[in-house]
C-alpha atoms as a PDB file:
ATOM      1  CA  UNK A   1      18.400   5.035  -1.585  1.00  0.00           C
ATOM      2  CA  UNK A   2      14.763   4.118  -1.349  1.00  0.00           C
ATOM      3  CA  UNK A   3      12.217   6.000  -3.450  1.00  0.00           C
ATOM      4  CA  UNK A   4       8.474   5.801  -4.232  1.00  0.00           C
ATOM      5  CA  UNK A   5       7.602   6.012  -7.954  1.00  0.00           C
ATOM      6  CA  UNK A   6       4.270   5.932  -9.702  1.00  0.00           C
ATOM      7  CA  UNK A   7       4.042   2.839 -11.965  1.00  0.00           C
ATOM      8  CA  UNK A   8       4.025   3.776 -15.609  1.00  0.00           C
ATOM      9  CA  UNK A   9       2.896   1.139 -18.115  1.00  0.00           C
ATOM     10  CA  UNK A  10       6.332   1.213 -19.787  1.00  0.00           C
ATOM     11  CA  UNK A  11       8.367  -1.804 -20.772  1.00  0.00           C
ATOM     12  CA  UNK A  12      10.815  -1.154 -18.001  1.00  0.00           C
ATOM     13  CA  UNK A  13       8.089  -1.037 -15.343  1.00  0.00           C
ATOM     14  CA  UNK A  14       6.267  -4.050 -16.769  1.00  0.00           C
ATOM     15  CA  UNK A  15       9.609  -5.977 -16.666  1.00  0.00           C
ATOM     16  CA  UNK A  16      10.100  -5.062 -13.029  1.00  0.00           C
ATOM     17  CA  UNK A  17       6.610  -6.257 -12.158  1.00  0.00           C
ATOM     18  CA  UNK A  18       7.011  -9.487 -14.174  1.00  0.00           C
ATOM     19  CA  UNK A  19      10.041 -10.562 -12.132  1.00  0.00           C
ATOM     20  CA  UNK A  20       8.748  -9.392  -8.717  1.00  0.00           C
ATOM     21  CA  UNK A  21       9.055 -12.333  -6.322  1.00  0.00           C
ATOM     22  CA  UNK A  22       5.865 -12.814  -4.314  1.00  0.00           C
ATOM     23  CA  UNK A  23       4.864 -16.499  -4.259  1.00  0.00           C
ATOM     24  CA  UNK A  24       2.687 -16.330  -1.138  1.00  0.00           C
ATOM     25  CA  UNK A  25       0.146 -13.504  -1.435  1.00  0.00           C
ATOM     26  CA  UNK A  26      -1.818 -14.693   1.621  1.00  0.00           C
ATOM     27  CA  UNK A  27      -2.463 -11.212   3.034  1.00  0.00           C
ATOM     28  CA  UNK A  28      -2.053  -9.119  -0.114  1.00  0.00           C
ATOM     29  CA  UNK A  29      -2.559  -9.058  -3.810  1.00  0.00           C
ATOM     30  CA  UNK A  30       0.365  -9.524  -6.096  1.00  0.00           C
ATOM     31  CA  UNK A  31       1.391  -6.479  -8.127  1.00  0.00           C
ATOM     32  CA  UNK A  32       0.090  -8.264 -11.234  1.00  0.00           C
ATOM     33  CA  UNK A  33      -3.273  -8.809  -9.584  1.00  0.00           C
ATOM     34  CA  UNK A  34      -3.461  -5.186  -8.421  1.00  0.00           C
ATOM     35  CA  UNK A  35      -2.468  -3.810 -11.758  1.00  0.00           C
ATOM     36  CA  UNK A  36      -5.206  -5.756 -13.523  1.00  0.00           C
ATOM     37  CA  UNK A  37      -7.675  -3.666 -11.527  1.00  0.00           C
ATOM     38  CA  UNK A  38      -5.778  -0.421 -11.262  1.00  0.00           C
ATOM     39  CA  UNK A  39      -4.634   0.509 -14.786  1.00  0.00           C
ATOM     40  CA  UNK A  40      -7.984   1.804 -16.028  1.00  0.00           C
ATOM     41  CA  UNK A  41      -9.128   3.418 -12.742  1.00  0.00           C
ATOM     42  CA  UNK A  42      -8.280   7.098 -12.238  1.00  0.00           C
ATOM     43  CA  UNK A  43      -8.974   6.706  -8.545  1.00  0.00           C
ATOM     44  CA  UNK A  44      -6.207   4.161  -8.014  1.00  0.00           C
ATOM     45  CA  UNK A  45      -2.453   4.904  -8.198  1.00  0.00           C
ATOM     46  CA  UNK A  46       0.025   1.997  -8.357  1.00  0.00           C
ATOM     47  CA  UNK A  47       3.266   2.865  -6.620  1.00  0.00           C
ATOM     48  CA  UNK A  48       6.589   1.072  -6.826  1.00  0.00           C
ATOM     49  CA  UNK A  49       9.123   1.002  -4.000  1.00  0.00           C
ATOM     50  CA  UNK A  50      12.552   1.208  -5.504  1.00  0.00           C
ATOM     51  CA  UNK A  51      15.967   0.600  -3.926  1.00  0.00           C
ATOM     52  CA  UNK A  52      18.004   2.579  -6.463  1.00  0.00           C
ATOM     53  CA  UNK A  53      16.479   1.052  -9.625  1.00  0.00           C
ATOM     54  CA  UNK A  54      15.449  -2.334  -8.196  1.00  0.00           C
ATOM     55  CA  UNK A  55      11.743  -2.992  -7.414  1.00  0.00           C
ATOM     56  CA  UNK A  56      11.621  -4.040  -3.739  1.00  0.00           C
ATOM     57  CA  UNK A  57       8.007  -3.248  -2.925  1.00  0.00           C
ATOM     58  CA  UNK A  58       4.644  -2.312  -4.312  1.00  0.00           C
ATOM     59  CA  UNK A  59       1.384  -0.671  -3.139  1.00  0.00           C
ATOM     60  CA  UNK A  60      -1.715   0.984  -4.462  1.00  0.00           C
ATOM     61  CA  UNK A  61      -3.158   4.316  -3.271  1.00  0.00           C
ATOM     62  CA  UNK A  62      -6.930   4.771  -3.626  1.00  0.00           C
ATOM     63  CA  UNK A  63      -8.927   7.979  -3.454  1.00  0.00           C
ATOM     64  CA  UNK A  64     -12.569   9.049  -3.557  1.00  0.00           C
ATOM     65  CA  UNK A  65     -15.543   6.794  -2.974  1.00  0.00           C
ATOM     66  CA  UNK A  66     -13.630   3.499  -2.759  1.00  0.00           C
ATOM     67  CA  UNK A  67     -12.125   4.599   0.586  1.00  0.00           C
ATOM     68  CA  UNK A  68     -15.629   4.147   2.091  1.00  0.00           C
ATOM     69  CA  UNK A  69     -15.159   0.351   2.138  1.00  0.00           C
ATOM     70  CA  UNK A  70     -13.116   0.883   5.354  1.00  0.00           C
ATOM     71  CA  UNK A  71     -15.355   3.655   6.666  1.00  0.00           C
ATOM     72  CA  UNK A  72     -13.005   6.470   5.677  1.00  0.00           C
ATOM     73  CA  UNK A  73     -13.987   9.911   4.425  1.00  0.00           C
ATOM     74  CA  UNK A  74     -13.789  10.019   0.644  1.00  0.00           C
ATOM     75  CA  UNK A  75     -13.044  13.782   0.735  1.00  0.00           C
ATOM     76  CA  UNK A  76      -9.913  13.483   2.837  1.00  0.00           C
ATOM     77  CA  UNK A  77      -8.693   9.869   3.077  1.00  0.00           C
ATOM     78  CA  UNK A  78      -6.283   7.943   0.976  1.00  0.00           C
ATOM     79  CA  UNK A  79      -6.521   4.116   1.258  1.00  0.00           C
ATOM     80  CA  UNK A  80      -3.469   1.914   1.025  1.00  0.00           C
ATOM     81  CA  UNK A  81      -3.974  -1.474  -0.626  1.00  0.00           C
ATOM     82  CA  UNK A  82      -1.826  -4.348  -1.881  1.00  0.00           C
ATOM     83  CA  UNK A  83       1.262  -3.365   0.053  1.00  0.00           C
ATOM     84  CA  UNK A  84       4.007  -5.963  -0.300  1.00  0.00           C
ATOM     85  CA  UNK A  85       7.781  -6.323  -0.081  1.00  0.00           C
ATOM     86  CA  UNK A  86       9.511  -8.706  -2.460  1.00  0.00           C
ATOM     87  CA  UNK A  87      10.274 -11.991  -0.762  1.00  0.00           C
ATOM     88  CA  UNK A  88      13.961 -11.669  -1.556  1.00  0.00           C
ATOM     89  CA  UNK A  89      14.061  -8.228   0.126  1.00  0.00           C
ATOM     90  CA  UNK A  90      12.313  -8.786   3.441  1.00  0.00           C
ATOM     91  CA  UNK A  91      13.990  -8.073   6.721  1.00  0.00           C
ATOM     92  CA  UNK A  92      15.982  -5.098   5.348  1.00  0.00           C
ATOM     93  CA  UNK A  93      13.761  -2.324   6.602  1.00  0.00           C
ATOM     94  CA  UNK A  94      12.170  -1.534   3.241  1.00  0.00           C
ATOM     95  CA  UNK A  95       8.605  -1.652   4.483  1.00  0.00           C
ATOM     96  CA  UNK A  96       9.373   0.719   7.364  1.00  0.00           C
ATOM     97  CA  UNK A  97      11.282   3.124   5.054  1.00  0.00           C
ATOM     98  CA  UNK A  98       8.506   3.062   2.428  1.00  0.00           C
ATOM     99  CA  UNK A  99       5.792   3.764   4.972  1.00  0.00           C
ATOM    100  CA  UNK A 100       7.912   6.618   6.348  1.00  0.00           C
ATOM    101  CA  UNK A 101       8.304   8.062   2.850  1.00  0.00           C
ATOM    102  CA  UNK A 102       4.570   7.702   2.069  1.00  0.00           C
ATOM    103  CA  UNK A 103       3.137  10.789   3.898  1.00  0.00           C
ATOM    104  CA  UNK A 104       5.254  13.230   1.940  1.00  0.00           C
ATOM    105  CA  UNK A 105       4.541  11.336  -1.329  1.00  0.00           C
ATOM    106  CA  UNK A 106       0.809  11.491  -0.610  1.00  0.00           C
ATOM    107  CA  UNK A 107       0.909  15.135   0.306  1.00  0.00           C
ATOM    108  CA  UNK A 108       2.621  15.850  -3.074  1.00  0.00           C
ATOM    109  CA  UNK A 109       0.173  13.855  -5.166  1.00  0.00           C
ATOM    110  CA  UNK A 110      -3.010  14.287  -3.136  1.00  0.00           C
ATOM    111  CA  UNK A 111      -2.819  17.774  -1.598  1.00  0.00           C
ATOM    112  CA  UNK A 112      -6.335  17.615  -0.057  1.00  0.00           C
ATOM    113  CA  UNK A 113      -5.622  14.350   1.785  1.00  0.00           C
ATOM    114  CA  UNK A 114      -5.690  14.481   5.561  1.00  0.00           C
ATOM    115  CA  UNK A 115      -5.310  10.817   6.440  1.00  0.00           C
ATOM    116  CA  UNK A 116      -3.771   7.525   5.293  1.00  0.00           C
ATOM    117  CA  UNK A 117      -5.988   4.510   5.982  1.00  0.00           C
ATOM    118  CA  UNK A 118      -5.497   0.767   5.574  1.00  0.00           C
ATOM    119  CA  UNK A 119      -6.928  -2.493   6.795  1.00  0.00           C
ATOM    120  CA  UNK A 120      -4.783  -5.317   8.126  1.00  0.00           C
ATOM    121  CA  UNK A 121      -5.791  -8.915   8.681  1.00  0.00           C
ATOM    122  CA  UNK A 122      -6.269  -9.915  12.320  1.00  0.00           C
ATOM    123  CA  UNK A 123      -3.747 -12.739  11.862  1.00  0.00           C
ATOM    124  CA  UNK A 124      -1.075 -10.672  10.280  1.00  0.00           C
ATOM    125  CA  UNK A 125       0.790  -9.768  13.447  1.00  0.00           C
ATOM    126  CA  UNK A 126       3.988  -8.789  11.625  1.00  0.00           C
ATOM    127  CA  UNK A 127       2.164  -6.152   9.651  1.00  0.00           C
ATOM    128  CA  UNK A 128       0.248  -4.896  12.613  1.00  0.00           C
ATOM    129  CA  UNK A 129       3.485  -4.274  14.533  1.00  0.00           C
ATOM    130  CA  UNK A 130       4.984  -2.538  11.505  1.00  0.00           C
ATOM    131  CA  UNK A 131       2.058  -0.163  11.124  1.00  0.00           C
ATOM    132  CA  UNK A 132       2.024   0.647  14.809  1.00  0.00           C
ATOM    133  CA  UNK A 133       5.736   1.296  14.697  1.00  0.00           C
ATOM    134  CA  UNK A 134       5.376   3.919  11.953  1.00  0.00           C
ATOM    135  CA  UNK A 135       2.469   5.700  13.578  1.00  0.00           C
ATOM    136  CA  UNK A 136      -0.788   4.077  12.441  1.00  0.00           C
ATOM    137  CA  UNK A 137      -3.549   3.815  15.085  1.00  0.00           C
ATOM    138  CA  UNK A 138      -6.459   1.488  15.355  1.00  0.00           C
ATOM    139  CA  UNK A 139      -9.697   3.294  14.463  1.00  0.00           C
ATOM    140  CA  UNK A 140     -11.818   0.701  16.129  1.00  0.00           C
ATOM    141  CA  UNK A 141     -13.570  -0.055  12.853  1.00  0.00           C
ATOM    142  CA  UNK A 142     -13.512  -3.669  11.605  1.00  0.00           C
ATOM    143  CA  UNK A 143     -14.229  -5.206   8.231  1.00  0.00           C
ATOM    144  CA  UNK A 144     -14.106  -8.771   6.930  1.00  0.00           C
ATOM    145  CA  UNK A 145     -11.873  -9.943   4.162  1.00  0.00           C
ATOM    146  CA  UNK A 146     -10.985 -13.318   2.701  1.00  0.00           C
ATOM    147  CA  UNK A 147      -9.004 -14.261   5.816  1.00  0.00           C
ATOM    148  CA  UNK A 148     -11.462 -12.983   8.348  1.00  0.00           C
ATOM    149  CA  UNK A 149     -11.545  -9.905  10.560  1.00  0.00           C
ATOM    150  CA  UNK A 150      -9.433  -6.877   9.581  1.00  0.00           C
ATOM    151  CA  UNK A 151      -8.565  -3.841  11.764  1.00  0.00           C
ATOM    152  CA  UNK A 152      -8.841  -0.470  10.091  1.00  0.00           C
ATOM    153  CA  UNK A 153      -5.844   1.702  10.919  1.00  0.00           C
ATOM    154  CA  UNK A 154      -5.241   5.390  10.228  1.00  0.00           C
ATOM    155  CA  UNK A 155      -2.394   7.857  10.272  1.00  0.00           C
ATOM    156  CA  UNK A 156      -2.913  11.662  10.094  1.00  0.00           C
ATOM    157  CA  UNK A 157      -0.943  13.529   7.515  1.00  0.00           C
END
């Protein structure tokens, strides 16, 4: 069973992150990189994607003013960053399942949120198809990241 769990800075969660296989973070930060920024920021929530007790994915949810970097409303939007699936777990539907679980998770933890927002690199066609499949729509907004143009996508909660 797949679940979403807020990362806690416990030995068990640190061990999960330490062994997370992601050797090619071309389009995303590794969990270790994300956690270096997130742990002291009350506006950022690190989330683990667990298959039973095994870490198979990771993402960060961002609230308040930092959502403005993609043109989203800081009063109502939650920004998704650093989404990845462990290299050894890809192709098993975990990304789809995690994104389908995310709206209820966000409603529980951020009751005033109205939208989920993310940006996806223009060259990351696999991710673009995934986001479209689970209901994200192109806002028409663009931003530029380390790999060039990014589309800003949104899903209403």
